[in-house]
Amino acid sequence: MIDQPLVSVVIPSYNSRPYIAEAIDSVRVQQVESLELVIVDDGSTDGSVDYIRQIAPEARVISQANAGAAAARNHGVREARGRYIAFLDADDVWVPGKLQAQLQVLEQRPEIDLVYGHFKPWYCDEQGQYPAPAKVETTPDQVAVIEDRVLPLAILFDSVVCIITVLVRAEALRDIELFNPDYTVGEDYDLWMRLSLLNRCAILPTTLAHYRDNPVSLTKSVPKQNFEKLVVEQAMERIRQRSPRALKKYLEPALQARLADLDYSYGHGCFMAGRREDARDAFASLLSHRPTLMARFLHRVACHSVLFKFCRKLLLWRRRLRDGAPG
């Protein structure tokens, strides 16, 4: 009988040949003896499968027809045999010590089902190349436990759990519906919300991974539907059902502001993608959330490209300052 691996690492892969070797190498340096690497090829056309088998003979490579990252991750989870499951995207990397630090938490704290941490964006240079990111060692004893009724509120207002930093007990993950394959983006956001309502989680307040800020990434495109808003609306209903009446009174205005922000962000994306009608619809929806002067101004901005582009430059400048990216 084959011993159960301690950790299964699930990597969805689609035309990932330029980057996946770095991702695999970042798994190998984790120094976890009982580790299973499950790579799900999502219908690649760039020869990725043969390349992966060549550079990582230890990996279990599973092929499926192209169905998206959510379906690929679900396939990987169902095939995984590990006690714990970790996720890594084919173009991102973990820092050394990531798994060891998280395993220490889960092995010592049986009441905790999921551990996540921080990540750093990984920007390309002017030539489109990605310089090697700085290696950041994790600190195992820096753990802050977040109760299950606190994390859902945090997730509600921001997607604080990044999938490439997660280590979760397999049994907890399999007790709920997995990633929603109907969502082209936000499928992990939806899963962490549902899982955090039922389980206790912990955060390691240190950098665990580097996220490649790929300009052609799927998350950079604007989906046909505002999936993030859909996820948040569904989550809001769950939160309302669980919250005391007194909390609802103070929570509702913040929830309406969150929905307005999502309408604005989606409208901004549609506008920049040349989808003016979708942008106007999004900004019209923004006005339904207890309109304020700022909301009316943003709606007006949506109809004037010069103002909109000016606001976009301010937003990008603010994001660059926040992330410490090169200007």
C-alpha atoms as a PDB file:
ATOM      1  CA  MET A   1       0.000   0.000   0.000  1.00  0.00           C
ATOM      2  CA  ILE A   2       1.318   3.455  -0.957  1.00  0.00           C
ATOM      3  CA  ASP A   3       1.814   5.777   2.037  1.00  0.00           C
ATOM      4  CA  GLN A   4      -0.310   8.896   2.080  1.00  0.00           C
ATOM      5  CA  PRO A   5       1.682  12.022   1.149  1.00  0.00           C
ATOM      6  CA  LEU A   6       1.788  14.739   3.763  1.00  0.00           C
ATOM      7  CA  VAL A   7       1.154  17.531   1.248  1.00  0.00           C
ATOM      8  CA  SER A   8      -0.295  17.559  -2.258  1.00  0.00           C
ATOM      9  CA  VAL A   9       0.617  20.609  -4.357  1.00  0.00           C
ATOM     10  CA  VAL A  10      -1.942  21.321  -7.095  1.00  0.00           C
ATOM     11  CA  ILE A  11      -0.766  23.390 -10.066  1.00  0.00           C
ATOM     12  CA  PRO A  12      -3.137  24.197 -12.960  1.00  0.00           C
ATOM     13  CA  SER A  13      -1.171  24.638 -16.176  1.00  0.00           C
ATOM     14  CA  TYR A  14      -2.186  26.200 -19.480  1.00  0.00           C
ATOM     15  CA  ASN A  15       0.539  27.053 -22.014  1.00  0.00           C
ATOM     16  CA  SER A  16       2.894  27.600 -19.087  1.00  0.00           C
ATOM     17  CA  ARG A  17       6.162  26.461 -20.649  1.00  0.00           C
ATOM     18  CA  PRO A  18       7.997  29.806 -20.188  1.00  0.00           C
ATOM     19  CA  TYR A  19       7.464  29.895 -16.419  1.00  0.00           C
ATOM     20  CA  ILE A  20       6.531  26.544 -14.903  1.00  0.00           C
ATOM     21  CA  ALA A  21      10.099  25.377 -14.254  1.00  0.00           C
ATOM     22  CA  GLU A  22      10.519  28.230 -11.761  1.00  0.00           C
ATOM     23  CA  ALA A  23       7.259  27.274 -10.042  1.00  0.00           C
ATOM     24  CA  ILE A  24       8.337  23.632  -9.742  1.00  0.00           C
ATOM     25  CA  ASP A  25      11.766  24.603  -8.412  1.00  0.00           C
ATOM     26  CA  SER A  26      10.121  26.731  -5.723  1.00  0.00           C
ATOM     27  CA  VAL A  27       8.179  23.633  -4.590  1.00  0.00           C
ATOM     28  CA  ARG A  28      11.298  21.460  -4.516  1.00  0.00           C
ATOM     29  CA  VAL A  29      13.130  23.786  -2.130  1.00  0.00           C
ATOM     30  CA  GLN A  30      10.396  23.421   0.507  1.00  0.00           C
ATOM     31  CA  GLN A  31      12.208  20.376   1.971  1.00  0.00           C
ATOM     32  CA  VAL A  32       9.010  18.497   2.787  1.00  0.00           C
ATOM     33  CA  GLU A  33       9.880  14.825   2.489  1.00  0.00           C
ATOM     34  CA  SER A  34       6.405  13.431   1.847  1.00  0.00           C
ATOM     35  CA  LEU A  35       5.198  15.683  -0.946  1.00  0.00           C
ATOM     36  CA  GLU A  36       3.052  14.989  -4.002  1.00  0.00           C
ATOM     37  CA  LEU A  37       3.146  17.318  -7.014  1.00  0.00           C
ATOM     38  CA  VAL A  38      -0.073  17.223  -9.061  1.00  0.00           C
ATOM     39  CA  ILE A  39       0.024  19.255 -12.284  1.00  0.00           C
ATOM     40  CA  VAL A  40      -3.229  19.492 -14.242  1.00  0.00           C
ATOM     41  CA  ASP A  41      -2.719  20.449 -17.870  1.00  0.00           C
ATOM     42  CA  ASP A  42      -5.752  22.378 -19.067  1.00  0.00           C
ATOM     43  CA  GLY A  43      -5.538  21.617 -22.783  1.00  0.00           C
ATOM     44  CA  SER A  44      -2.207  23.328 -23.500  1.00  0.00           C
ATOM     45  CA  THR A  45      -1.015  23.729 -27.083  1.00  0.00           C
ATOM     46  CA  ASP A  46       2.607  24.776 -26.465  1.00  0.00           C
ATOM     47  CA  GLY A  47       4.126  21.397 -25.690  1.00  0.00           C
ATOM     48  CA  SER A  48       3.889  21.994 -21.939  1.00  0.00           C
ATOM     49  CA  VAL A  49       2.981  18.404 -21.084  1.00  0.00           C
ATOM     50  CA  ASP A  50       6.104  16.833 -22.603  1.00  0.00           C
ATOM     51  CA  TYR A  51       8.252  19.629 -21.173  1.00  0.00           C
ATOM     52  CA  ILE A  52       6.866  19.155 -17.646  1.00  0.00           C
ATOM     53  CA  ARG A  53       7.373  15.400 -17.788  1.00  0.00           C
ATOM     54  CA  GLN A  54      10.954  16.017 -18.867  1.00  0.00           C
ATOM     55  CA  ILE A  55      11.876  18.519 -16.135  1.00  0.00           C
ATOM     56  CA  ALA A  56       9.725  17.023 -13.348  1.00  0.00           C
ATOM     57  CA  PRO A  57       9.531  13.228 -13.668  1.00  0.00           C
ATOM     58  CA  GLU A  58       8.362  13.047 -10.057  1.00  0.00           C
ATOM     59  CA  ALA A  59       5.152  14.974 -10.843  1.00  0.00           C
ATOM     60  CA  ARG A  60       1.782  13.423 -11.552  1.00  0.00           C
ATOM     61  CA  VAL A  61       0.700  15.104 -14.790  1.00  0.00           C
ATOM     62  CA  ILE A  62      -3.025  14.944 -15.493  1.00  0.00           C
ATOM     63  CA  SER A  63      -4.488  16.148 -18.782  1.00  0.00           C
ATOM     64  CA  GLN A  64      -7.965  17.497 -19.443  1.00  0.00           C
ATOM     65  CA  ALA A  65      -9.730  19.382 -22.214  1.00  0.00           C
ATOM     66  CA  ASN A  66      -9.515  23.137 -21.766  1.00  0.00           C
ATOM     67  CA  ALA A  67     -12.049  24.056 -19.085  1.00  0.00           C
ATOM     68  CA  GLY A  68     -10.402  26.846 -17.092  1.00  0.00           C
ATOM     69  CA  ALA A  69      -8.363  27.140 -13.912  1.00  0.00           C
ATOM     70  CA  ALA A  70     -11.268  26.359 -11.567  1.00  0.00           C
ATOM     71  CA  ALA A  71     -12.020  23.044 -13.263  1.00  0.00           C
ATOM     72  CA  ALA A  72      -8.303  22.196 -13.384  1.00  0.00           C
ATOM     73  CA  ARG A  73      -7.898  22.849  -9.654  1.00  0.00           C
ATOM     74  CA  ASN A  74     -10.995  20.775  -8.889  1.00  0.00           C
ATOM     75  CA  HIS A  75      -9.554  17.926 -10.945  1.00  0.00           C
ATOM     76  CA  GLY A  76      -6.288  18.195  -9.054  1.00  0.00           C
ATOM     77  CA  VAL A  77      -7.964  18.231  -5.637  1.00  0.00           C
ATOM     78  CA  ARG A  78      -9.972  15.131  -6.483  1.00  0.00           C
ATOM     79  CA  GLU A  79      -6.818  13.318  -7.595  1.00  0.00           C
ATOM     80  CA  ALA A  80      -4.687  14.543  -4.674  1.00  0.00           C
ATOM     81  CA  ARG A  81      -3.874  12.022  -1.946  1.00  0.00           C
ATOM     82  CA  GLY A  82      -2.205  14.307   0.594  1.00  0.00           C
ATOM     83  CA  ARG A  83      -3.363  15.108   4.114  1.00  0.00           C
ATOM     84  CA  TYR A  84      -2.939  18.782   3.267  1.00  0.00           C
ATOM     85  CA  ILE A  85      -3.439  20.576  -0.052  1.00  0.00           C
ATOM     86  CA  ALA A  86      -1.536  23.611  -1.315  1.00  0.00           C
ATOM     87  CA  PHE A  87      -2.090  25.592  -4.494  1.00  0.00           C
ATOM     88  CA  LEU A  88       0.424  27.251  -6.780  1.00  0.00           C
ATOM     89  CA  ASP A  89      -0.133  28.833 -10.176  1.00  0.00           C
ATOM     90  CA  ALA A  90       2.224  27.834 -12.962  1.00  0.00           C
ATOM     91  CA  ASP A  91       3.707  31.333 -13.328  1.00  0.00           C
ATOM     92  CA  ASP A  92       4.195  32.120  -9.622  1.00  0.00           C
ATOM     93  CA  VAL A  93       6.724  30.964  -6.995  1.00  0.00           C
ATOM     94  CA  TRP A  94       6.845  30.187  -3.287  1.00  0.00           C
ATOM     95  CA  VAL A  95       9.551  31.470  -0.969  1.00  0.00           C
ATOM     96  CA  PRO A  96      11.782  28.974   0.891  1.00  0.00           C
ATOM     97  CA  GLY A  97      10.279  27.751   4.134  1.00  0.00           C
ATOM     98  CA  LYS A  98       6.676  28.394   3.118  1.00  0.00           C
ATOM     99  CA  LEU A  99       5.312  24.883   3.574  1.00  0.00           C
ATOM    100  CA  GLN A 100       7.383  24.075   6.664  1.00  0.00           C
ATOM    101  CA  ALA A 101       6.042  27.118   8.512  1.00  0.00           C
ATOM    102  CA  GLN A 102       2.441  26.347   7.591  1.00  0.00           C
ATOM    103  CA  LEU A 103       2.756  22.667   8.445  1.00  0.00           C
ATOM    104  CA  GLN A 104       4.011  23.592  11.894  1.00  0.00           C
ATOM    105  CA  VAL A 105       0.791  25.528  12.470  1.00  0.00           C
ATOM    106  CA  LEU A 106      -1.555  22.815  11.217  1.00  0.00           C
ATOM    107  CA  GLU A 107       0.277  19.986  12.948  1.00  0.00           C
ATOM    108  CA  GLN A 108       0.325  21.795  16.302  1.00  0.00           C
ATOM    109  CA  ARG A 109      -3.130  23.367  16.059  1.00  0.00           C
ATOM    110  CA  PRO A 110      -5.705  20.709  15.060  1.00  0.00           C
ATOM    111  CA  GLU A 111      -8.544  23.239  15.358  1.00  0.00           C
ATOM    112  CA  ILE A 112      -7.063  25.279  12.479  1.00  0.00           C
ATOM    113  CA  ASP A 113      -8.027  24.110   8.985  1.00  0.00           C
ATOM    114  CA  LEU A 114      -6.433  26.726   6.722  1.00  0.00           C
ATOM    115  CA  VAL A 115      -3.263  28.808   6.873  1.00  0.00           C
ATOM    116  CA  TYR A 116      -2.461  31.629   4.484  1.00  0.00           C
ATOM    117  CA  GLY A 117      -0.052  34.531   4.367  1.00  0.00           C
ATOM    118  CA  HIS A 118       1.148  37.545   2.444  1.00  0.00           C
ATOM    119  CA  PHE A 119       2.443  37.706  -1.104  1.00  0.00           C
ATOM    120  CA  LYS A 120       4.447  40.221  -3.073  1.00  0.00           C
ATOM    121  CA  PRO A 121       3.740  41.303  -6.654  1.00  0.00           C
ATOM    122  CA  TRP A 122       6.509  40.379  -9.067  1.00  0.00           C
ATOM    123  CA  TYR A 123       6.897  42.955 -11.837  1.00  0.00           C
ATOM    124  CA  CYS A 124       8.671  42.618 -15.161  1.00  0.00           C
ATOM    125  CA  ASP A 125      11.350  45.030 -16.310  1.00  0.00           C
ATOM    126  CA  GLU A 126      11.294  47.224 -19.411  1.00  0.00           C
ATOM    127  CA  GLN A 127      12.345  44.248 -21.560  1.00  0.00           C
ATOM    128  CA  GLY A 128       9.451  42.161 -20.277  1.00  0.00           C
ATOM    129  CA  GLN A 129      11.758  39.932 -18.206  1.00  0.00           C
ATOM    130  CA  TYR A 130      11.196  39.021 -14.548  1.00  0.00           C
ATOM    131  CA  PRO A 131      14.305  39.490 -12.388  1.00  0.00           C
ATOM    132  CA  ALA A 132      14.623  36.866  -9.663  1.00  0.00           C
ATOM    133  CA  PRO A 133      12.521  38.010  -6.678  1.00  0.00           C
ATOM    134  CA  ALA A 134      14.149  38.507  -3.320  1.00  0.00           C
ATOM    135  CA  LYS A 135      14.028  35.380  -1.172  1.00  0.00           C
ATOM    136  CA  VAL A 136      12.082  36.009   2.009  1.00  0.00           C
ATOM    137  CA  GLU A 137      12.388  33.479   4.821  1.00  0.00           C
ATOM    138  CA  THR A 138       9.226  32.740   6.766  1.00  0.00           C
ATOM    139  CA  THR A 139       9.109  32.889  10.554  1.00  0.00           C
ATOM    140  CA  PRO A 140       7.217  29.871  11.939  1.00  0.00           C
ATOM    141  CA  ASP A 141       6.321  31.359  15.329  1.00  0.00           C
ATOM    142  CA  GLN A 142       4.624  34.480  13.935  1.00  0.00           C
ATOM    143  CA  VAL A 143       1.063  33.215  13.709  1.00  0.00           C
ATOM    144  CA  ALA A 144      -2.141  35.147  14.295  1.00  0.00           C
ATOM    145  CA  VAL A 145      -5.277  33.025  14.597  1.00  0.00           C
ATOM    146  CA  ILE A 146      -8.354  34.529  12.971  1.00  0.00           C
ATOM    147  CA  GLU A 147     -11.699  33.208  14.191  1.00  0.00           C
ATOM    148  CA  ASP A 148     -14.108  31.958  11.573  1.00  0.00           C
ATOM    149  CA  ARG A 149     -16.558  34.830  12.152  1.00  0.00           C
ATOM    150  CA  VAL A 150     -13.867  37.459  11.627  1.00  0.00           C
ATOM    151  CA  LEU A 151     -12.200  36.305   8.425  1.00  0.00           C
ATOM    152  CA  PRO A 152     -15.454  36.216   6.402  1.00  0.00           C
ATOM    153  CA  LEU A 153     -15.961  39.894   7.187  1.00  0.00           C
ATOM    154  CA  ALA A 154     -12.404  40.705   6.121  1.00  0.00           C
ATOM    155  CA  ILE A 155     -12.841  38.742   2.885  1.00  0.00           C
ATOM    156  CA  LEU A 156     -16.142  40.488   2.288  1.00  0.00           C
ATOM    157  CA  PHE A 157     -14.389  43.830   1.937  1.00  0.00           C
ATOM    158  CA  ASP A 158     -11.208  42.641   0.256  1.00  0.00           C
ATOM    159  CA  SER A 159      -9.878  39.440  -1.282  1.00  0.00           C
ATOM    160  CA  VAL A 160      -7.338  39.003   1.508  1.00  0.00           C
ATOM    161  CA  VAL A 161      -6.638  35.284   0.944  1.00  0.00           C
ATOM    162  CA  CYS A 162      -4.344  34.742  -2.035  1.00  0.00           C
ATOM    163  CA  ILE A 163      -4.637  31.188  -3.362  1.00  0.00           C
ATOM    164  CA  ILE A 164      -0.897  30.679  -3.860  1.00  0.00           C
ATOM    165  CA  THR A 165      -0.311  31.223  -0.123  1.00  0.00           C
ATOM    166  CA  VAL A 166      -2.901  28.706   1.109  1.00  0.00           C
ATOM    167  CA  LEU A 167      -2.317  25.385   2.850  1.00  0.00           C
ATOM    168  CA  VAL A 168      -5.569  23.648   3.828  1.00  0.00           C
ATOM    169  CA  ARG A 169      -6.588  20.354   5.358  1.00  0.00           C
ATOM    170  CA  ALA A 170      -7.851  18.084   2.577  1.00  0.00           C
ATOM    171  CA  GLU A 171     -10.838  16.952   4.628  1.00  0.00           C
ATOM    172  CA  ALA A 172     -12.000  20.548   5.155  1.00  0.00           C
ATOM    173  CA  LEU A 173     -11.701  21.296   1.467  1.00  0.00           C
ATOM    174  CA  ARG A 174     -13.620  18.198   0.460  1.00  0.00           C
ATOM    175  CA  ASP A 175     -16.439  18.901   2.911  1.00  0.00           C
ATOM    176  CA  ILE A 176     -17.671  21.786   0.739  1.00  0.00           C
ATOM    177  CA  GLU A 177     -18.261  22.417  -2.944  1.00  0.00           C
ATOM    178  CA  LEU A 178     -14.950  23.195  -4.624  1.00  0.00           C
ATOM    179  CA  PHE A 179     -14.106  26.014  -7.041  1.00  0.00           C
ATOM    180  CA  ASN A 180     -17.069  27.179  -9.115  1.00  0.00           C
ATOM    181  CA  PRO A 181     -16.115  26.421 -12.752  1.00  0.00           C
ATOM    182  CA  ASP A 182     -18.695  28.950 -13.990  1.00  0.00           C
ATOM    183  CA  TYR A 183     -16.519  31.786 -12.672  1.00  0.00           C
ATOM    184  CA  THR A 184     -13.720  32.770 -15.023  1.00  0.00           C
ATOM    185  CA  VAL A 185     -12.288  34.957 -12.233  1.00  0.00           C
ATOM    186  CA  GLY A 186     -12.995  35.084  -8.509  1.00  0.00           C
ATOM    187  CA  GLU A 187     -13.515  31.351  -8.077  1.00  0.00           C
ATOM    188  CA  ASP A 188     -10.968  31.228  -5.254  1.00  0.00           C
ATOM    189  CA  TYR A 189     -12.492  34.333  -3.621  1.00  0.00           C
ATOM    190  CA  ASP A 190     -15.832  32.504  -3.533  1.00  0.00           C
ATOM    191  CA  LEU A 191     -14.301  29.324  -2.086  1.00  0.00           C
ATOM    192  CA  TRP A 192     -12.402  31.033   0.749  1.00  0.00           C
ATOM    193  CA  MET A 193     -15.541  32.903   1.738  1.00  0.00           C
ATOM    194  CA  ARG A 194     -17.561  29.702   1.981  1.00  0.00           C
ATOM    195  CA  LEU A 195     -14.789  27.769   3.695  1.00  0.00           C
ATOM    196  CA  SER A 196     -14.052  30.497   6.248  1.00  0.00           C
ATOM    197  CA  LEU A 197     -17.688  30.519   7.376  1.00  0.00           C
ATOM    198  CA  LEU A 198     -17.317  26.890   8.465  1.00  0.00           C
ATOM    199  CA  ASN A 199     -13.684  26.601   9.566  1.00  0.00           C
ATOM    200  CA  ARG A 200     -11.083  28.371  11.664  1.00  0.00           C
ATOM    201  CA  CYS A 201      -8.147  29.911   9.833  1.00  0.00           C
ATOM    202  CA  ALA A 202      -4.739  31.355  10.644  1.00  0.00           C
ATOM    203  CA  ILE A 203      -2.447  33.825   8.962  1.00  0.00           C
ATOM    204  CA  LEU A 204       1.340  33.812   8.881  1.00  0.00           C
ATOM    205  CA  PRO A 205       2.166  37.536   8.782  1.00  0.00           C
ATOM    206  CA  THR A 206       5.058  37.144   6.389  1.00  0.00           C
ATOM    207  CA  THR A 207       5.599  36.829   2.655  1.00  0.00           C
ATOM    208  CA  LEU A 208       4.993  33.278   1.453  1.00  0.00           C
ATOM    209  CA  ALA A 209       4.887  33.721  -2.332  1.00  0.00           C
ATOM    210  CA  HIS A 210       5.624  35.994  -5.257  1.00  0.00           C
ATOM    211  CA  TYR A 211       2.775  36.676  -7.667  1.00  0.00           C
ATOM    212  CA  ARG A 212       3.897  37.341 -11.225  1.00  0.00           C
ATOM    213  CA  ASP A 213       2.189  40.529 -12.415  1.00  0.00           C
ATOM    214  CA  ASN A 214       1.683  39.212 -15.933  1.00  0.00           C
ATOM    215  CA  PRO A 215       0.189  41.853 -18.284  1.00  0.00           C
ATOM    216  CA  VAL A 216      -1.533  39.087 -20.315  1.00  0.00           C
ATOM    217  CA  SER A 217      -2.902  37.275 -17.259  1.00  0.00           C
ATOM    218  CA  LEU A 218      -6.571  36.290 -17.217  1.00  0.00           C
ATOM    219  CA  THR A 219      -7.071  38.434 -14.127  1.00  0.00           C
ATOM    220  CA  LYS A 220      -6.078  41.468 -16.214  1.00  0.00           C
ATOM    221  CA  SER A 221      -8.945  40.939 -18.674  1.00  0.00           C
ATOM    222  CA  VAL A 222     -12.479  42.124 -18.024  1.00  0.00           C
ATOM    223  CA  PRO A 223     -14.982  39.251 -17.812  1.00  0.00           C
ATOM    224  CA  LYS A 224     -18.395  39.462 -19.442  1.00  0.00           C
ATOM    225  CA  GLN A 225     -19.980  39.472 -16.000  1.00  0.00           C
ATOM    226  CA  ASN A 226     -18.998  41.184 -12.756  1.00  0.00           C
ATOM    227  CA  PHE A 227     -18.111  37.932 -10.973  1.00  0.00           C
ATOM    228  CA  GLU A 228     -16.517  39.626  -7.984  1.00  0.00           C
ATOM    229  CA  LYS A 229     -19.735  41.512  -7.281  1.00  0.00           C
ATOM    230  CA  LEU A 230     -21.714  38.290  -7.675  1.00  0.00           C
ATOM    231  CA  VAL A 231     -19.477  36.535  -5.139  1.00  0.00           C
ATOM    232  CA  VAL A 232     -19.751  39.419  -2.676  1.00  0.00           C
ATOM    233  CA  GLU A 233     -23.544  39.643  -3.034  1.00  0.00           C
ATOM    234  CA  GLN A 234     -23.886  35.936  -2.284  1.00  0.00           C
ATOM    235  CA  ALA A 235     -21.495  36.253   0.639  1.00  0.00           C
ATOM    236  CA  MET A 236     -23.407  39.250   1.976  1.00  0.00           C
ATOM    237  CA  GLU A 237     -26.568  37.200   2.154  1.00  0.00           C
ATOM    238  CA  ARG A 238     -24.779  34.508   4.162  1.00  0.00           C
ATOM    239  CA  ILE A 239     -23.325  37.142   6.501  1.00  0.00           C
ATOM    240  CA  ARG A 240     -26.723  38.791   6.988  1.00  0.00           C
ATOM    241  CA  GLN A 241     -28.262  35.464   7.963  1.00  0.00           C
ATOM    242  CA  ARG A 242     -25.578  34.866  10.590  1.00  0.00           C
ATOM    243  CA  SER A 243     -25.188  38.385  11.990  1.00  0.00           C
ATOM    244  CA  PRO A 244     -27.051  39.789  15.017  1.00  0.00           C
ATOM    245  CA  ARG A 245     -29.561  42.540  14.274  1.00  0.00           C
ATOM    246  CA  ALA A 246     -27.394  45.168  15.962  1.00  0.00           C
ATOM    247  CA  LEU A 247     -24.423  44.305  13.741  1.00  0.00           C
ATOM    248  CA  LYS A 248     -26.557  44.443  10.603  1.00  0.00           C
ATOM    249  CA  LYS A 249     -27.501  48.036  11.379  1.00  0.00           C
ATOM    250  CA  TYR A 250     -23.858  49.150  11.264  1.00  0.00           C
ATOM    251  CA  LEU A 251     -22.764  46.684   8.611  1.00  0.00           C
ATOM    252  CA  GLU A 252     -25.307  47.505   5.911  1.00  0.00           C
ATOM    253  CA  PRO A 253     -23.944  50.953   4.927  1.00  0.00           C
ATOM    254  CA  ALA A 254     -20.463  49.449   4.577  1.00  0.00           C
ATOM    255  CA  LEU A 255     -21.849  46.634   2.437  1.00  0.00           C
ATOM    256  CA  GLN A 256     -23.576  49.112   0.156  1.00  0.00           C
ATOM    257  CA  ALA A 257     -20.326  51.059  -0.173  1.00  0.00           C
ATOM    258  CA  ARG A 258     -18.505  47.828  -1.048  1.00  0.00           C
ATOM    259  CA  LEU A 259     -21.012  47.053  -3.820  1.00  0.00           C
ATOM    260  CA  ALA A 260     -20.676  50.582  -5.146  1.00  0.00           C
ATOM    261  CA  ASP A 261     -16.892  50.176  -5.219  1.00  0.00           C
ATOM    262  CA  LEU A 262     -17.227  46.924  -7.184  1.00  0.00           C
ATOM    263  CA  ASP A 263     -19.557  48.584  -9.678  1.00  0.00           C
ATOM    264  CA  TYR A 264     -17.039  51.382 -10.118  1.00  0.00           C
ATOM    265  CA  SER A 265     -14.080  49.015 -10.572  1.00  0.00           C
ATOM    266  CA  TYR A 266     -15.936  46.896 -13.097  1.00  0.00           C
ATOM    267  CA  GLY A 267     -17.170  49.972 -14.960  1.00  0.00           C
ATOM    268  CA  HIS A 268     -13.611  51.292 -15.061  1.00  0.00           C
ATOM    269  CA  GLY A 269     -12.383  48.021 -16.556  1.00  0.00           C
ATOM    270  CA  CYS A 270     -15.140  47.929 -19.152  1.00  0.00           C
ATOM    271  CA  PHE A 271     -14.449  51.521 -20.137  1.00  0.00           C
ATOM    272  CA  MET A 272     -10.750  50.899 -20.648  1.00  0.00           C
ATOM    273  CA  ALA A 273     -11.591  47.787 -22.683  1.00  0.00           C
ATOM    274  CA  GLY A 274     -13.763  49.876 -25.000  1.00  0.00           C
ATOM    275  CA  ARG A 275     -17.025  48.429 -23.692  1.00  0.00           C
ATOM    276  CA  ARG A 276     -18.783  51.740 -23.161  1.00  0.00           C
ATOM    277  CA  GLU A 277     -22.304  50.306 -22.814  1.00  0.00           C
ATOM    278  CA  ASP A 278     -21.232  47.848 -20.112  1.00  0.00           C
ATOM    279  CA  ALA A 279     -19.373  50.672 -18.360  1.00  0.00           C
ATOM    280  CA  ARG A 280     -22.477  52.865 -18.323  1.00  0.00           C
ATOM    281  CA  ASP A 281     -24.562  49.973 -16.968  1.00  0.00           C
ATOM    282  CA  ALA A 282     -22.055  49.422 -14.171  1.00  0.00           C
ATOM    283  CA  PHE A 283     -22.005  53.080 -13.197  1.00  0.00           C
ATOM    284  CA  ALA A 284     -25.791  53.240 -13.348  1.00  0.00           C
ATOM    285  CA  SER A 285     -25.850  50.307 -10.921  1.00  0.00           C
ATOM    286  CA  LEU A 286     -23.414  52.198  -8.699  1.00  0.00           C
ATOM    287  CA  LEU A 287     -26.040  54.916  -8.262  1.00  0.00           C
ATOM    288  CA  SER A 288     -28.505  52.397  -6.834  1.00  0.00           C
ATOM    289  CA  HIS A 289     -26.414  51.966  -3.689  1.00  0.00           C
ATOM    290  CA  ARG A 290     -27.739  54.989  -1.785  1.00  0.00           C
ATOM    291  CA  PRO A 291     -26.271  57.595  -4.143  1.00  0.00           C
ATOM    292  CA  THR A 292     -23.759  60.094  -2.812  1.00  0.00           C
ATOM    293  CA  LEU A 293     -22.220  63.115  -4.452  1.00  0.00           C
ATOM    294  CA  MET A 294     -19.102  61.033  -5.121  1.00  0.00           C
ATOM    295  CA  ALA A 295     -21.168  58.307  -6.781  1.00  0.00           C
ATOM    296  CA  ARG A 296     -22.878  60.847  -9.029  1.00  0.00           C
ATOM    297  CA  PHE A 297     -19.500  62.325  -9.923  1.00  0.00           C
ATOM    298  CA  LEU A 298     -18.112  58.892 -10.849  1.00  0.00           C
ATOM    299  CA  HIS A 299     -21.124  58.231 -13.034  1.00  0.00           C
ATOM    300  CA  ARG A 300     -20.564  61.529 -14.793  1.00  0.00           C
ATOM    301  CA  VAL A 301     -16.899  60.640 -15.236  1.00  0.00           C
ATOM    302  CA  ALA A 302     -17.942  57.428 -17.002  1.00  0.00           C
ATOM    303  CA  CYS A 303     -19.439  59.500 -19.796  1.00  0.00           C
ATOM    304  CA  HIS A 304     -16.366  61.676 -20.363  1.00  0.00           C
ATOM    305  CA  SER A 305     -13.192  59.928 -21.467  1.00  0.00           C
ATOM    306  CA  VAL A 306     -10.848  62.789 -20.519  1.00  0.00           C
ATOM    307  CA  LEU A 307     -12.012  62.832 -16.903  1.00  0.00           C
ATOM    308  CA  PHE A 308     -12.062  59.067 -16.731  1.00  0.00           C
ATOM    309  CA  LYS A 309      -8.499  58.736 -18.020  1.00  0.00           C
ATOM    310  CA  PHE A 310      -7.338  61.357 -15.539  1.00  0.00           C
ATOM    311  CA  CYS A 311      -8.925  59.410 -12.658  1.00  0.00           C
ATOM    312  CA  ARG A 312      -7.377  56.217 -13.976  1.00  0.00           C
ATOM    313  CA  LYS A 313      -3.897  57.789 -13.878  1.00  0.00           C
ATOM    314  CA  LEU A 314      -4.463  58.787 -10.256  1.00  0.00           C
ATOM    315  CA  LEU A 315      -5.562  55.249  -9.369  1.00  0.00           C
ATOM    316  CA  LEU A 316      -2.548  53.681 -11.084  1.00  0.00           C
ATOM    317  CA  TRP A 317      -0.184  56.133  -9.399  1.00  0.00           C
ATOM    318  CA  ARG A 318      -1.716  55.270  -6.004  1.00  0.00           C
ATOM    319  CA  ARG A 319      -1.385  51.535  -6.691  1.00  0.00           C
ATOM    320  CA  ARG A 320       2.270  51.914  -7.680  1.00  0.00           C
ATOM    321  CA  LEU A 321       3.027  53.753  -4.462  1.00  0.00           C
ATOM    322  CA  ARG A 322       1.186  51.164  -2.389  1.00  0.00           C
ATOM    323  CA  ASP A 323       2.927  48.143  -3.985  1.00  0.00           C
ATOM    324  CA  GLY A 324       6.345  49.781  -4.217  1.00  0.00           C
ATOM    325  CA  ALA A 325       6.501  49.102  -7.948  1.00  0.00           C
ATOM    326  CA  PRO A 326       8.857  50.963 -10.261  1.00  0.00           C
ATOM    327  CA  GLY A 327       7.205  54.022 -11.755  1.00  0.00           C
END
